[in-house]
């Protein structure tokens, strides 16, 4: 009996350095910033910004440079400038904790309001920010459908064709003959995708971790973020931490 044919992923490099691929038949662009672009609906998606994580740690006595929110919002603004989205979806855990919005510097809050004046800003709630923003503009939702894709913060168990999620902060350790490198990544099996954390101070979980087990119908690929390009990496080239 012959073996089942190997699944071939439909992945193509883009001029911007990203990767174009299909999720449940819908074309998406995986960008080097860690954001995802749905061209057909002019929708920009970014997960797990964890704004004000630095100030949360400082309040507990662990002093980190207090620039994470500024850096994260700067990258989001550059994505908005490059793409002019109609919709910006923040895919949960946009704030690091329930007090983060109150700790925002005035100019950082104004940057979020400015984004909302340019695009419809949609706040998907996550486990760190279950109530959504109190004073900032935009729509607060548990999840939403766009072009047949289901956008939610936390991936659900079992087959979930079309699901785009965050929460797990995927990272890939790419193993080669000369050593290995660890990078944030998208991870997808062409049916669903988990986005990398967009926040400057957000950590990462190796895609070989048990938390990813059972999410994918076939061995997924990692789309690892480089300085200006996204690199498609097969499952066999990924190692544990």
Protein backbone atom coordinates (compact mmCIF):
# COMPACT_ATOMS: atom_id res chain seq x y z
CA UNK A 1 0.00 0.00 0.00
CA UNK A 2 1.44 3.37 -0.96
CA UNK A 3 1.85 6.09 1.65
CA UNK A 4 -0.57 8.99 1.76
CA UNK A 5 0.65 11.93 -0.32
CA UNK A 6 2.56 14.60 1.56
CA UNK A 7 0.55 17.79 2.00
CA UNK A 8 2.08 20.73 0.11
CA UNK A 9 1.53 24.12 1.72
CA UNK A 10 0.53 26.96 -0.57
CA UNK A 11 3.04 29.57 0.61
CA UNK A 12 4.50 32.34 -1.54
CA UNK A 13 6.92 35.15 -0.72
CA UNK A 14 5.59 38.69 -0.98
CA UNK A 15 7.49 41.79 -2.08
CA UNK A 16 7.03 43.23 1.42
CA UNK A 17 8.96 40.32 2.94
CA UNK A 18 5.86 38.54 4.19
CA UNK A 19 4.37 35.20 3.18
CA UNK A 20 1.08 34.79 1.36
CA UNK A 21 -0.78 31.63 2.31
CA UNK A 22 -4.27 30.20 2.65
CA UNK A 23 -6.18 29.60 5.86
CA UNK A 24 -9.34 27.56 5.19
CA UNK A 25 -9.17 28.75 1.59
CA UNK A 26 -8.88 32.45 2.45
CA UNK A 27 -5.72 34.24 1.37
CA UNK A 28 -3.85 36.00 4.16
CA UNK A 29 -0.49 37.75 4.33
CA UNK A 30 1.78 36.91 7.25
CA UNK A 31 3.84 40.05 7.77
CA UNK A 32 7.34 40.37 9.19
CA UNK A 33 5.98 42.59 11.97
CA UNK A 34 3.95 39.66 13.30
CA UNK A 35 0.66 41.13 12.09
CA UNK A 36 -1.67 39.36 9.66
CA UNK A 37 -3.34 41.07 6.69
CA UNK A 38 -6.65 39.99 5.12
CA UNK A 39 -6.47 41.86 1.83
CA UNK A 40 -10.00 41.11 0.66
CA UNK A 41 -11.45 42.93 3.67
CA UNK A 42 -8.55 45.33 4.20
CA UNK A 43 -8.22 44.06 7.75
CA UNK A 44 -5.07 44.18 9.88
CA UNK A 45 -4.88 41.70 12.78
CA UNK A 46 -2.38 41.83 15.65
CA UNK A 47 -2.43 39.63 18.75
CA UNK A 48 -1.19 39.97 22.31
CA UNK A 49 0.18 43.53 22.44
CA UNK A 50 0.37 43.36 26.26
CA UNK A 51 0.53 47.13 26.52
CA UNK A 52 1.96 48.44 29.80
CA UNK A 53 3.59 45.16 30.73
CA UNK A 54 6.70 47.13 31.71
CA UNK A 55 4.78 49.31 34.16
CA UNK A 56 3.03 46.24 35.60
CA UNK A 57 6.40 44.65 36.35
CA UNK A 58 7.75 47.91 37.76
CA UNK A 59 4.84 48.06 40.22
CA UNK A 60 6.01 44.68 41.55
CA UNK A 61 9.62 45.86 41.91
CA UNK A 62 11.00 44.34 38.69
CA UNK A 63 12.30 47.36 36.83
CA UNK A 64 12.14 47.15 33.04
CA UNK A 65 12.72 50.01 30.61
CA UNK A 66 9.30 51.73 30.40
CA UNK A 67 9.20 51.93 26.62
CA UNK A 68 7.36 48.77 25.60
CA UNK A 69 4.02 50.46 24.88
CA UNK A 70 5.69 53.16 22.81
CA UNK A 71 7.63 50.62 20.75
CA UNK A 72 4.65 48.31 20.24
CA UNK A 73 2.32 51.13 19.16
CA UNK A 74 5.01 52.46 16.85
CA UNK A 75 5.12 49.16 14.97
CA UNK A 76 1.32 49.04 14.81
CA UNK A 77 1.24 52.59 13.42
CA UNK A 78 3.82 51.68 10.78
CA UNK A 79 1.66 48.74 9.70
CA UNK A 80 -1.38 51.02 9.50
CA UNK A 81 0.60 53.59 7.49
CA UNK A 82 1.78 50.91 5.05
CA UNK A 83 -1.60 49.22 4.54
CA UNK A 84 -4.31 51.84 5.26
CA UNK A 85 -6.65 49.21 6.74
CA UNK A 86 -10.38 49.69 6.99
CA UNK A 87 -10.39 47.52 10.12
CA UNK A 88 -7.74 46.91 12.78
CA UNK A 89 -8.45 43.86 14.96
CA UNK A 90 -6.57 43.61 18.26
CA UNK A 91 -6.82 39.91 18.99
CA UNK A 92 -6.99 39.91 22.79
CA UNK A 93 -4.56 40.62 25.63
CA UNK A 94 -4.05 44.05 24.13
CA UNK A 95 -3.50 45.25 27.71
CA UNK A 96 -1.30 43.34 30.11
CA UNK A 97 -3.71 43.69 33.05
CA UNK A 98 -6.89 45.48 34.06
CA UNK A 99 -5.01 48.54 35.27
CA UNK A 100 -2.99 48.99 32.08
CA UNK A 101 -5.38 51.39 30.39
CA UNK A 102 -5.23 53.76 33.37
CA UNK A 103 -1.41 53.65 33.28
CA UNK A 104 -1.19 54.64 29.61
CA UNK A 105 0.70 57.86 28.99
CA UNK A 106 -1.53 60.53 27.50
CA UNK A 107 0.31 60.51 24.19
CA UNK A 108 0.02 56.71 23.91
CA UNK A 109 -3.73 56.88 24.56
CA UNK A 110 -3.97 59.55 21.85
CA UNK A 111 -2.11 57.27 19.43
CA UNK A 112 -4.78 54.62 19.94
CA UNK A 113 -7.52 57.21 19.44
CA UNK A 114 -5.79 58.35 16.25
CA UNK A 115 -5.76 54.78 14.93
CA UNK A 116 -9.49 54.56 15.69
CA UNK A 117 -10.14 57.73 13.68
CA UNK A 118 -8.41 56.18 10.66
CA UNK A 119 -9.81 52.65 10.89
CA UNK A 120 -12.52 50.75 12.72
CA UNK A 121 -10.74 49.52 15.84
CA UNK A 122 -12.03 46.16 17.11
CA UNK A 123 -10.96 44.93 20.53
CA UNK A 124 -11.29 41.16 20.91
CA UNK A 125 -11.20 40.43 24.63
CA UNK A 126 -8.59 38.10 26.09
CA UNK A 127 -7.78 36.56 29.44
CA UNK A 128 -5.70 39.59 30.50
CA UNK A 129 -8.27 42.21 29.38
CA UNK A 130 -11.61 40.45 29.66
CA UNK A 131 -13.61 43.68 29.92
CA UNK A 132 -12.00 45.51 27.00
CA UNK A 133 -11.07 49.20 27.20
CA UNK A 134 -13.07 51.53 29.41
CA UNK A 135 -12.45 54.87 27.70
CA UNK A 136 -10.83 54.23 24.34
CA UNK A 137 -12.86 54.13 21.12
CA UNK A 138 -13.73 51.06 19.10
CA UNK A 139 -15.90 47.96 19.25
CA UNK A 140 -15.43 45.32 21.96
CA UNK A 141 -16.26 41.72 20.96
CA UNK A 142 -15.66 38.18 22.18
CA UNK A 143 -14.91 37.03 18.63
CA UNK A 144 -15.87 37.94 15.09
CA UNK A 145 -16.15 36.49 11.58
CA UNK A 146 -14.37 38.02 8.62
CA UNK A 147 -14.51 36.38 5.17
CA UNK A 148 -15.32 33.02 6.76
CA UNK A 149 -12.45 33.29 9.23
CA UNK A 150 -13.27 33.16 12.96
CA UNK A 151 -11.09 35.58 14.94
CA UNK A 152 -10.81 34.88 18.67
CA UNK A 153 -8.17 35.24 21.35
CA UNK A 154 -7.71 31.69 22.57
CA UNK A 155 -7.59 28.69 20.22
CA UNK A 156 -10.34 26.16 20.80
CA UNK A 157 -9.81 22.42 21.06
CA UNK A 158 -10.51 20.10 18.16
CA UNK A 159 -10.90 20.93 14.47
CA UNK A 160 -11.49 24.66 13.99
CA UNK A 161 -11.28 25.41 10.24
CA UNK A 162 -10.82 29.11 9.65
CA UNK A 163 -9.79 29.99 13.21
CA UNK A 164 -7.29 32.82 13.73
CA UNK A 165 -6.14 33.12 17.33
CA UNK A 166 -3.36 34.32 19.58
CA UNK A 167 -2.85 33.62 23.30
CA UNK A 168 -0.09 31.00 22.97
CA UNK A 169 2.67 33.38 21.77
CA UNK A 170 4.20 30.81 19.37
CA UNK A 171 7.96 30.72 18.88
CA UNK A 172 10.02 28.44 16.67
CA UNK A 173 13.44 27.03 17.39
CA UNK A 174 14.86 26.42 13.94
CA UNK A 175 17.52 23.71 13.98
CA UNK A 176 20.27 23.53 11.35
CA UNK A 177 23.66 21.87 11.06
CA UNK A 178 25.46 24.96 12.41
CA UNK A 179 23.19 25.46 15.39
CA UNK A 180 19.76 26.86 16.06
CA UNK A 181 17.91 30.16 16.32
CA UNK A 182 14.70 31.01 18.18
CA UNK A 183 12.16 33.37 16.62
CA UNK A 184 8.55 34.40 17.11
CA UNK A 185 6.38 32.80 14.48
CA UNK A 186 2.98 32.18 13.01
CA UNK A 187 2.01 28.52 13.03
CA UNK A 188 -0.52 27.08 10.59
CA UNK A 189 -1.69 23.88 8.96
CA UNK A 190 -3.69 25.76 6.27
CA UNK A 191 -6.91 25.16 8.23
CA UNK A 192 -6.23 27.45 11.21
CA UNK A 193 -3.42 29.76 12.35
CA UNK A 194 -2.02 31.00 15.64
CA UNK A 195 -0.46 34.47 15.50
CA UNK A 196 2.75 35.50 17.29
CA UNK A 197 2.60 37.98 20.13
CA UNK A 198 2.97 41.53 18.79
CA UNK A 199 3.97 43.15 22.08
CA UNK A 200 7.57 44.20 22.67
CA UNK A 201 7.77 42.47 26.07
CA UNK A 202 5.55 39.47 25.33
CA UNK A 203 7.27 36.13 25.84
CA UNK A 204 7.03 33.09 23.60
CA UNK A 205 6.12 29.41 23.81
CA UNK A 206 7.85 26.83 21.65
CA UNK A 207 5.48 25.37 19.05
CA UNK A 208 6.69 21.91 20.10
CA UNK A 209 5.12 22.50 23.53
CA UNK A 210 2.19 20.29 24.53
CA UNK A 211 -0.10 23.33 24.50
CA UNK A 212 -0.07 23.15 20.68
CA UNK A 213 -0.70 19.40 20.54
CA UNK A 214 -4.03 18.49 19.01
CA UNK A 215 -4.63 21.87 17.40
CA UNK A 216 -3.53 20.90 13.92
CA UNK A 217 -4.88 18.31 11.51
CA UNK A 218 -1.44 17.77 9.96
CA UNK A 219 2.12 18.74 10.88
CA UNK A 220 2.03 22.54 10.66
CA UNK A 221 4.61 24.93 9.33
CA UNK A 222 6.09 27.81 11.26
CA UNK A 223 6.37 31.20 9.59
CA UNK A 224 9.34 32.55 11.54
CA UNK A 225 9.86 36.30 11.82
CA UNK A 226 13.19 37.64 10.62
CA UNK A 227 14.38 41.23 10.64
CA UNK A 228 12.56 42.04 7.39
CA UNK A 229 11.29 38.70 6.08
CA UNK A 230 9.08 35.82 7.15
CA UNK A 231 10.62 32.37 6.66
CA UNK A 232 8.53 29.23 6.13
CA UNK A 233 9.97 26.37 8.21
CA UNK A 234 8.80 22.78 8.04
CA UNK A 235 7.90 20.83 11.17
CA UNK A 236 10.94 18.54 10.93
CA UNK A 237 13.27 21.54 11.15
CA UNK A 238 11.73 22.72 14.42
CA UNK A 239 13.25 21.64 17.73
CA UNK A 240 12.32 21.91 21.40
CA UNK A 241 13.86 24.49 23.71
